[in-house]
Protein backbone atom coordinates (compact mmCIF):
# COMPACT_ATOMS: atom_id res chain seq x y z
CA UNK A 1 0.00 0.00 0.00
CA UNK A 2 1.27 3.44 -0.84
CA UNK A 3 0.74 6.09 1.79
CA UNK A 4 1.09 9.86 2.00
CA UNK A 5 4.68 11.04 2.01
CA UNK A 6 6.83 13.10 4.32
CA UNK A 7 10.17 14.79 4.51
CA UNK A 8 11.79 14.04 7.81
CA UNK A 9 14.85 14.81 9.86
CA UNK A 10 15.40 11.78 12.07
CA UNK A 11 16.25 12.24 15.70
CA UNK A 12 17.15 9.35 17.96
CA UNK A 13 15.59 8.94 21.37
CA UNK A 14 13.67 6.21 23.10
CA UNK A 15 11.12 6.72 20.33
CA UNK A 16 12.82 8.25 17.31
CA UNK A 17 11.13 11.37 16.01
CA UNK A 18 11.01 12.54 12.43
CA UNK A 19 10.19 16.06 11.30
CA UNK A 20 8.26 15.62 8.12
CA UNK A 21 7.24 17.90 5.26
CA UNK A 22 4.36 16.36 3.32
CA UNK A 23 4.70 16.39 -0.46
CA UNK A 24 1.75 17.01 -2.76
CA UNK A 25 -0.32 14.41 -4.51
CA UNK A 26 -3.18 15.80 -6.57
CA UNK A 27 -6.08 13.39 -6.49
CA UNK A 28 -8.84 15.12 -8.40
CA UNK A 29 -10.65 16.20 -5.25
CA UNK A 30 -9.65 17.61 -1.95
CA UNK A 31 -8.90 16.20 1.43
CA UNK A 32 -7.29 18.96 3.44
CA UNK A 33 -7.18 19.76 7.09
CA UNK A 34 -9.33 22.87 6.83
CA UNK A 35 -12.94 23.19 7.89
CA UNK A 36 -15.78 25.20 6.49
CA UNK A 37 -16.24 28.55 8.19
CA UNK A 38 -19.24 28.80 10.43
CA UNK A 39 -22.22 29.60 8.22
CA UNK A 40 -24.16 32.78 8.77
CA UNK A 41 -27.68 32.27 10.14
CA UNK A 42 -30.01 31.53 7.25
CA UNK A 43 -32.08 28.84 8.83
CA UNK A 44 -33.22 30.99 11.70
CA UNK A 45 -36.63 29.41 11.52
CA UNK A 46 -35.37 25.97 10.52
CA UNK A 47 -32.48 25.43 12.93
CA UNK A 48 -32.32 25.94 16.69
CA UNK A 49 -30.41 28.90 18.09
CA UNK A 50 -29.14 26.60 20.84
CA UNK A 51 -28.59 22.85 20.63
CA UNK A 52 -31.41 20.51 21.50
CA UNK A 53 -30.34 18.59 24.59
CA UNK A 54 -29.73 14.92 23.89
CA UNK A 55 -32.28 12.87 25.82
CA UNK A 56 -31.14 10.29 28.32
CA UNK A 57 -33.80 7.91 27.06
CA UNK A 58 -35.05 7.21 23.53
CA UNK A 59 -36.90 10.28 22.28
CA UNK A 60 -40.65 9.93 22.04
CA UNK A 61 -40.56 11.69 18.68
CA UNK A 62 -38.02 13.05 16.19
CA UNK A 63 -40.58 15.48 14.77
CA UNK A 64 -39.02 18.63 16.26
CA UNK A 65 -35.60 17.75 14.86
CA UNK A 66 -37.06 16.94 11.44
CA UNK A 67 -39.04 20.18 11.32
CA UNK A 68 -35.86 22.16 11.92
CA UNK A 69 -33.49 20.43 9.48
CA UNK A 70 -35.69 19.10 6.66
CA UNK A 71 -35.71 22.43 4.72
CA UNK A 72 -31.94 22.05 4.24
CA UNK A 73 -32.14 18.61 2.59
CA UNK A 74 -32.54 18.32 -1.19
CA UNK A 75 -33.15 15.67 -3.84
CA UNK A 76 -30.56 15.47 -6.61
CA UNK A 77 -31.43 14.50 -10.19
CA UNK A 78 -28.76 13.97 -12.84
CA UNK A 79 -28.71 13.40 -16.59
CA UNK A 80 -25.65 11.38 -17.51
CA UNK A 81 -23.32 12.30 -20.36
CA UNK A 82 -22.32 9.95 -23.17
CA UNK A 83 -19.18 8.81 -21.34
CA UNK A 84 -21.24 7.04 -18.70
CA UNK A 85 -21.29 3.29 -19.16
CA UNK A 86 -24.40 1.17 -18.85
CA UNK A 87 -23.21 0.19 -15.37
CA UNK A 88 -23.69 3.78 -14.25
CA UNK A 89 -27.45 3.33 -14.29
CA UNK A 90 -27.57 1.04 -11.31
CA UNK A 91 -24.15 1.38 -9.70
CA UNK A 92 -21.92 4.21 -8.60
CA UNK A 93 -20.14 6.08 -11.32
CA UNK A 94 -16.62 7.08 -10.47
CA UNK A 95 -16.38 4.10 -8.14
CA UNK A 96 -18.79 1.78 -9.89
CA UNK A 97 -17.29 -1.27 -11.49
CA UNK A 98 -14.62 -1.27 -8.78
CA UNK A 99 -12.76 -4.47 -7.98
CA UNK A 100 -14.48 -5.82 -4.88
CA UNK A 101 -11.68 -8.21 -3.94
CA UNK A 102 -10.75 -5.91 -1.07
CA UNK A 103 -14.29 -5.96 0.32
CA UNK A 104 -14.59 -8.22 3.37
CA UNK A 105 -15.91 -11.66 2.25
CA UNK A 106 -19.03 -11.37 4.39
CA UNK A 107 -19.99 -8.15 2.54
CA UNK A 108 -18.68 -8.87 -0.96
CA UNK A 109 -21.80 -10.53 -2.32
CA UNK A 110 -24.14 -7.97 -0.82
CA UNK A 111 -22.10 -4.80 -1.14
CA UNK A 112 -24.19 -2.20 -2.91
CA UNK A 113 -23.72 1.42 -3.78
CA UNK A 114 -26.98 3.24 -3.92
CA UNK A 115 -28.19 6.42 -5.50
CA UNK A 116 -28.64 5.67 -9.20
CA UNK A 117 -31.84 4.08 -10.38
CA UNK A 118 -31.76 3.99 -14.16
CA UNK A 119 -33.59 6.08 -16.76
CA UNK A 120 -34.93 9.36 -15.41
CA UNK A 121 -33.99 8.22 -11.92
CA UNK A 122 -37.39 6.64 -11.24
CA UNK A 123 -37.92 3.58 -9.07
CA UNK A 124 -38.78 0.18 -10.58
CA UNK A 125 -42.46 -0.07 -11.47
CA UNK A 126 -42.81 3.71 -11.54
CA UNK A 127 -40.89 4.49 -14.73
CA UNK A 128 -42.63 6.62 -17.38
CA UNK A 129 -43.53 4.64 -20.46
CA UNK A 130 -41.39 6.83 -22.72
CA UNK A 131 -38.00 7.14 -21.10
CA UNK A 132 -35.56 9.96 -21.82
CA UNK A 133 -31.79 10.06 -21.41
CA UNK A 134 -30.27 7.84 -18.75
CA UNK A 135 -30.09 9.52 -15.39
CA UNK A 136 -29.47 9.14 -11.70
CA UNK A 137 -31.14 10.27 -8.51
CA UNK A 138 -29.71 10.87 -5.09
CA UNK A 139 -29.85 13.17 -2.11
CA UNK A 140 -27.87 16.09 -0.74
CA UNK A 141 -27.93 18.89 1.80
CA UNK A 142 -27.31 22.64 1.70
CA UNK A 143 -24.40 23.83 3.85
CA UNK A 144 -24.50 27.59 3.28
CA UNK A 145 -27.06 30.32 2.65
CA UNK A 146 -25.66 30.96 -0.84
CA UNK A 147 -26.55 27.46 -1.98
CA UNK A 148 -23.56 25.11 -1.71
CA UNK A 149 -24.76 21.50 -1.64
CA UNK A 150 -22.96 18.33 -0.51
CA UNK A 151 -23.70 14.96 -2.12
CA UNK A 152 -21.86 11.79 -3.20
CA UNK A 153 -19.40 11.72 -6.08
CA UNK A 154 -21.03 8.61 -7.48
CA UNK A 155 -24.37 10.46 -7.76
CA UNK A 156 -23.04 13.25 -10.01
CA UNK A 157 -20.08 11.58 -11.75
CA UNK A 158 -20.52 11.71 -15.56
CA UNK A 159 -23.23 14.34 -15.02
CA UNK A 160 -24.36 16.30 -18.06
CA UNK A 161 -26.87 18.34 -16.07
CA UNK A 162 -27.69 18.47 -12.36
CA UNK A 163 -30.87 19.68 -10.69
CA UNK A 164 -31.81 19.88 -7.02
CA UNK A 165 -35.34 19.86 -5.65
CA UNK A 166 -35.84 21.79 -2.43
CA UNK A 167 -38.17 20.83 0.38
CA UNK A 168 -40.60 23.55 -0.76
CA UNK A 169 -40.93 21.86 -4.16
CA UNK A 170 -38.75 24.20 -6.25
CA UNK A 171 -36.44 22.49 -8.76
CA UNK A 172 -33.27 24.48 -9.50
CA UNK A 173 -30.24 23.96 -11.73
CA UNK A 174 -26.90 23.31 -10.06
CA UNK A 175 -23.31 22.96 -11.17
CA UNK A 176 -20.58 20.61 -9.95
CA UNK A 177 -17.87 22.62 -8.17
CA UNK A 178 -15.63 19.65 -7.46
CA UNK A 179 -15.64 15.97 -6.57
CA UNK A 180 -13.39 13.41 -4.95
CA UNK A 181 -13.75 9.76 -5.92
CA UNK A 182 -11.50 8.49 -3.11
CA UNK A 183 -13.87 9.69 -0.40
CA UNK A 184 -16.98 9.74 -2.64
CA UNK A 185 -17.78 13.38 -1.88
CA UNK A 186 -18.96 16.05 -4.34
CA UNK A 187 -19.78 19.73 -3.90
CA UNK A 188 -22.51 21.43 -5.94
CA UNK A 189 -23.63 25.07 -6.18
CA UNK A 190 -27.20 26.14 -6.91
CA UNK A 191 -27.06 28.49 -9.89
CA UNK A 192 -29.91 30.77 -8.84
CA UNK A 193 -28.83 33.43 -6.36
CA UNK A 194 -30.79 33.62 -3.16
CA UNK A 195 -30.78 32.82 0.51
CA UNK A 196 -31.36 29.13 1.14
CA UNK A 197 -32.06 27.18 4.34
CA UNK A 198 -29.05 25.15 5.35
CA UNK A 199 -27.81 22.69 7.94
CA UNK A 200 -24.57 22.51 9.89
CA UNK A 201 -21.98 19.84 10.61
CA UNK A 202 -21.70 18.35 14.08
CA UNK A 203 -18.92 19.53 16.34
CA UNK A 204 -18.28 16.12 17.87
CA UNK A 205 -18.17 12.60 16.47
CA UNK A 206 -21.14 10.42 17.44
CA UNK A 207 -20.73 7.52 19.81
CA UNK A 208 -21.79 3.98 19.13
CA UNK A 209 -25.38 3.75 20.35
CA UNK A 210 -26.27 7.40 19.67
CA UNK A 211 -29.59 8.09 17.95
CA UNK A 212 -29.43 9.34 14.36
CA UNK A 213 -31.98 10.51 11.78
CA UNK A 214 -31.50 10.08 8.02
CA UNK A 215 -33.38 12.21 5.48
CA UNK A 216 -33.25 11.64 1.74
CA UNK A 217 -34.79 10.63 -1.55
CA UNK A 218 -35.12 6.82 -1.56
CA UNK A 219 -36.53 5.44 -4.84
CA UNK A 220 -37.32 9.02 -5.88
CA UNK A 221 -39.59 9.61 -2.87
CA UNK A 222 -38.09 12.86 -1.59
CA UNK A 223 -38.30 14.04 1.98
CA UNK A 224 -38.27 10.55 3.51
CA UNK A 225 -37.21 10.37 7.17
CA UNK A 226 -35.88 7.28 8.96
CA UNK A 227 -34.24 6.82 12.36
CA UNK A 228 -31.86 4.41 14.07
CA UNK A 229 -28.58 4.34 15.97
CA UNK A 230 -24.88 4.39 15.21
CA UNK A 231 -24.06 0.68 15.13
CA UNK A 232 -20.28 0.92 14.79
CA UNK A 233 -17.47 3.29 13.85
CA UNK A 234 -14.30 2.99 11.78
CA UNK A 235 -15.72 0.48 9.30
CA UNK A 236 -13.48 -0.46 6.35
CA UNK A 237 -15.66 -1.97 3.58
CA UNK A 238 -13.05 -1.85 0.82
CA UNK A 239 -14.69 1.08 -0.96
CA UNK A 240 -11.57 3.25 -1.05
CA UNK A 241 -8.14 3.92 0.42
CA UNK A 242 -9.46 6.12 3.23
CA UNK A 243 -12.42 4.07 4.47
CA UNK A 244 -13.53 5.13 7.93
CA UNK A 245 -17.31 4.72 7.79
CA UNK A 246 -19.97 5.09 10.42
CA UNK A 247 -22.26 2.07 10.37
CA UNK A 248 -25.89 2.98 11.05
CA UNK A 249 -29.10 0.98 11.16
CA UNK A 250 -31.47 3.76 10.07
CA UNK A 251 -33.23 2.31 6.98
CA UNK A 252 -31.80 3.88 3.80
CA UNK A 253 -32.17 2.69 0.22
CA UNK A 254 -31.36 3.59 -3.38
CA UNK A 255 -31.69 7.34 -3.74
CA UNK A 256 -30.47 8.09 -0.20
CA UNK A 257 -26.91 8.47 -1.53
CA UNK A 258 -25.42 11.81 -0.55
CA UNK A 259 -28.11 12.51 2.03
CA UNK A 260 -27.35 13.56 5.60
CA UNK A 261 -27.46 11.66 8.84
CA UNK A 262 -28.31 13.95 11.77
CA UNK A 263 -27.71 13.64 15.49
CA UNK A 264 -30.38 14.61 18.01
CA UNK A 265 -29.08 18.19 17.97
CA UNK A 266 -29.97 18.50 14.31
CA UNK A 267 -26.31 18.49 13.21
CA UNK A 268 -24.93 16.47 10.28
CA UNK A 269 -22.71 13.65 11.54
CA UNK A 270 -22.43 11.67 8.30
CA UNK A 271 -23.17 11.42 4.59
CA UNK A 272 -24.97 8.21 3.56
CA UNK A 273 -23.05 6.46 0.81
CA UNK A 274 -23.35 2.65 0.82
CA UNK A 275 -25.42 -0.30 1.99
CA UNK A 276 -24.82 -4.01 2.32
CA UNK A 277 -27.91 -5.90 1.22
CA UNK A 278 -28.87 -9.23 -0.38
CA UNK A 279 -31.87 -7.63 -2.07
CA UNK A 280 -30.82 -4.06 -2.83
CA UNK A 281 -33.08 -2.81 -0.03
CA UNK A 282 -32.29 -1.89 3.55
CA UNK A 283 -31.45 -4.69 5.96
CA UNK A 284 -29.99 -2.42 8.64
CA UNK A 285 -26.41 -2.29 7.30
CA UNK A 286 -25.73 1.22 6.04
CA UNK A 287 -22.51 3.21 5.90
CA UNK A 288 -21.99 6.97 6.19
CA UNK A 289 -18.89 9.11 5.66
CA UNK A 290 -18.06 10.88 8.95
CA UNK A 291 -18.69 14.63 9.05
CA UNK A 292 -15.05 15.35 9.91
CA UNK A 293 -13.90 13.78 6.64
CA UNK A 294 -16.65 15.51 4.66
CA UNK A 295 -15.78 18.95 6.02
CA UNK A 296 -12.11 18.56 5.17
CA UNK A 297 -12.89 17.46 1.61
CA UNK A 298 -15.55 20.10 1.04
CA UNK A 299 -13.24 22.85 2.22
CA UNK A 300 -10.70 22.05 -0.52
CA UNK A 301 -13.34 21.40 -3.16
CA UNK A 302 -14.83 24.82 -2.50
CA UNK A 303 -11.43 26.51 -2.75
CA UNK A 304 -9.64 24.50 -5.44
CA UNK A 305 -12.18 22.14 -7.01
CA UNK A 306 -9.86 19.20 -6.31
CA UNK A 307 -8.05 17.40 -3.51
CA UNK A 308 -4.37 17.76 -2.67
CA UNK A 309 -3.19 15.09 -0.22
CA UNK A 310 0.04 14.70 1.69
CA UNK A 311 2.03 11.52 1.21
CA UNK A 312 5.04 9.78 2.77
CA UNK A 313 6.25 7.54 -0.03
CA UNK A 314 6.32 4.24 1.85
CA UNK A 315 4.84 0.80 1.42
CA UNK A 316 3.40 -0.39 4.73
CA UNK A 317 1.75 -3.46 6.20
CA UNK A 318 -0.09 -4.30 9.42
CA UNK A 319 1.82 -5.33 12.51
CA UNK A 320 0.76 -8.90 13.33
CA UNK A 321 1.09 -10.60 16.69
CA UNK A 322 4.14 -12.53 15.47
CA UNK A 323 5.80 -9.38 14.15
CA UNK A 324 5.07 -7.56 17.41
CA UNK A 325 6.65 -10.34 19.44
CA UNK A 326 9.69 -10.39 17.15
CA UNK A 327 10.17 -6.65 17.62
CA UNK A 328 9.68 -6.81 21.37
CA UNK A 329 6.42 -4.86 21.28
CA UNK A 330 3.89 -5.31 24.07
CA UNK A 331 1.02 -5.58 21.57
CA UNK A 332 0.52 -5.35 17.79
CA UNK A 333 -0.02 -1.75 16.72
CA UNK A 334 1.31 0.76 14.26
CA UNK A 335 2.30 0.45 10.60
CA UNK A 336 5.34 -1.56 9.51
CA UNK A 337 7.36 -0.03 6.66
CA UNK A 338 8.11 -2.50 3.89
CA UNK A 339 9.92 -0.03 1.69
CA UNK A 340 10.63 3.70 1.48
CA UNK A 341 10.67 4.98 -2.10
CA UNK A 342 13.86 6.73 -3.19
CA UNK A 343 13.66 10.50 -3.35
CA UNK A 344 10.47 10.73 -1.28
CA UNK A 345 10.03 12.68 1.96
CA UNK A 346 10.16 9.43 3.96
CA UNK A 347 13.50 8.38 2.43
CA UNK A 348 14.97 11.86 2.86
CA UNK A 349 13.94 11.81 6.50
CA UNK A 350 15.72 8.51 7.09
CA UNK A 351 12.74 6.17 7.46
CA UNK A 352 13.70 2.61 6.52
CA UNK A 353 12.30 -0.84 5.90
CA UNK A 354 11.48 -2.48 9.23
CA UNK A 355 10.59 0.73 11.04
CA UNK A 356 7.22 0.70 12.77
CA UNK A 357 5.40 4.05 12.70
CA UNK A 358 3.65 4.47 16.03
CA UNK A 359 2.33 8.04 16.03
CA UNK A 360 1.87 11.14 13.87
CA UNK A 361 2.01 14.50 15.64
CA UNK A 362 1.53 12.68 18.93
CA UNK A 363 -1.60 10.84 17.78
CA UNK A 364 -1.26 7.05 18.07
CA UNK A 365 -1.37 4.99 14.87
CA UNK A 366 -3.18 1.70 15.36
CA UNK A 367 -2.78 0.26 11.86
CA UNK A 368 -1.65 0.96 8.29
CA UNK A 369 -5.05 2.28 7.22
CA UNK A 370 -5.04 4.85 9.99
CA UNK A 371 -1.58 6.02 8.90
CA UNK A 372 -2.89 6.52 5.35
CA UNK A 373 -5.81 8.61 6.59
CA UNK A 374 -3.69 10.71 8.95
CA UNK A 375 -1.07 11.61 6.36
CA UNK A 376 -3.65 12.16 3.60
CA UNK A 377 -5.36 14.67 5.86
CA UNK A 378 -2.23 16.84 5.94
CA UNK A 379 -1.78 19.74 3.58
CA UNK A 380 1.17 19.42 1.20
CA UNK A 381 4.24 21.03 2.76
CA UNK A 382 3.01 20.53 6.33
CA UNK A 383 5.64 19.69 8.95
CA UNK A 384 4.82 16.74 11.17
CA UNK A 385 6.53 14.62 13.80
CA UNK A 386 6.54 10.87 13.38
CA UNK A 387 7.44 8.51 16.22
CA UNK A 388 8.75 5.16 15.09
CA UNK A 389 10.25 2.02 16.53
CA UNK A 390 13.57 0.74 15.14
CA UNK A 391 15.53 -2.18 16.54
CA UNK A 392 13.56 -2.15 19.77
CA UNK A 393 14.21 1.57 20.35
């Protein structure tokens, strides 16, 4: 596996430290460390001025939360250009047709992307008799009063035209500002000027067991609300190099792609992007991109229209129990360097084959995937400290 690269000046101590300057890798979208500025109040009537207190017991109703945030959720309809393959009609474009060999065996057969439903985006059994150009449908949410909209890359990839339908029934043209296939995030902008209701990202990551509410456009039925809990965090389903999904059990289906998952404060904590299902419908296994990742990507897409990621220039592998014992480690953790590419920041810093990277900027690294995500989240040129184990020291 190739991971983000760094320039380092090695220093020896009990845990050697490396000062690293991340080099640039342009990836067609943006994953930076910045965050969107706080939006100006434009949902005064739709969003609370102060957070709704999270209940100690299951809420009797989610109606108050839905009333506040639903105006900021949109349906997305796309007409595909001629470059879209036939697979794009029922799978994700941009990531559709991916090799699923990296998907865990228990999910491989049932792994589904959702958000594209064939001609005109209509659900099966509800297609018009005379069908027009092939299209896709999905969901999204407005993040600023001037009409920036977040959705999935696989909803708008190969888009010839994009329209969004607001909660009040208006259908407006939108343009794609930027997209990132590696995290499956896209940023749109409504073309008509105006002040639009919007929602905000959560300030804290949800815990496993927290209540969540999903709103979207399943099977073309816009404004659909479902509820559930966060079932797990940090899921790697083989969808991309930076997988770090929330698993939720709120029922979501085709057409929910790109829609928001809210916490009980009415804040976006995730973007719905994939389901595992034997039938194509919800069986309680849904995956959402965490808000922290989405904010970082959106920030760069809004500024540059693409993602620039840091990289180290090393091939790494997990630290197994046997490897940990051989290196005198108390438990398996970190990322073992197989090889440092010549001329890369890692090589210049003195990192070598056999080193085990244990932390980045003081944050522990549990495995190789986490190292990839941490370094990719750095801006090119950033200086970082890497702690690594070499020869038991």
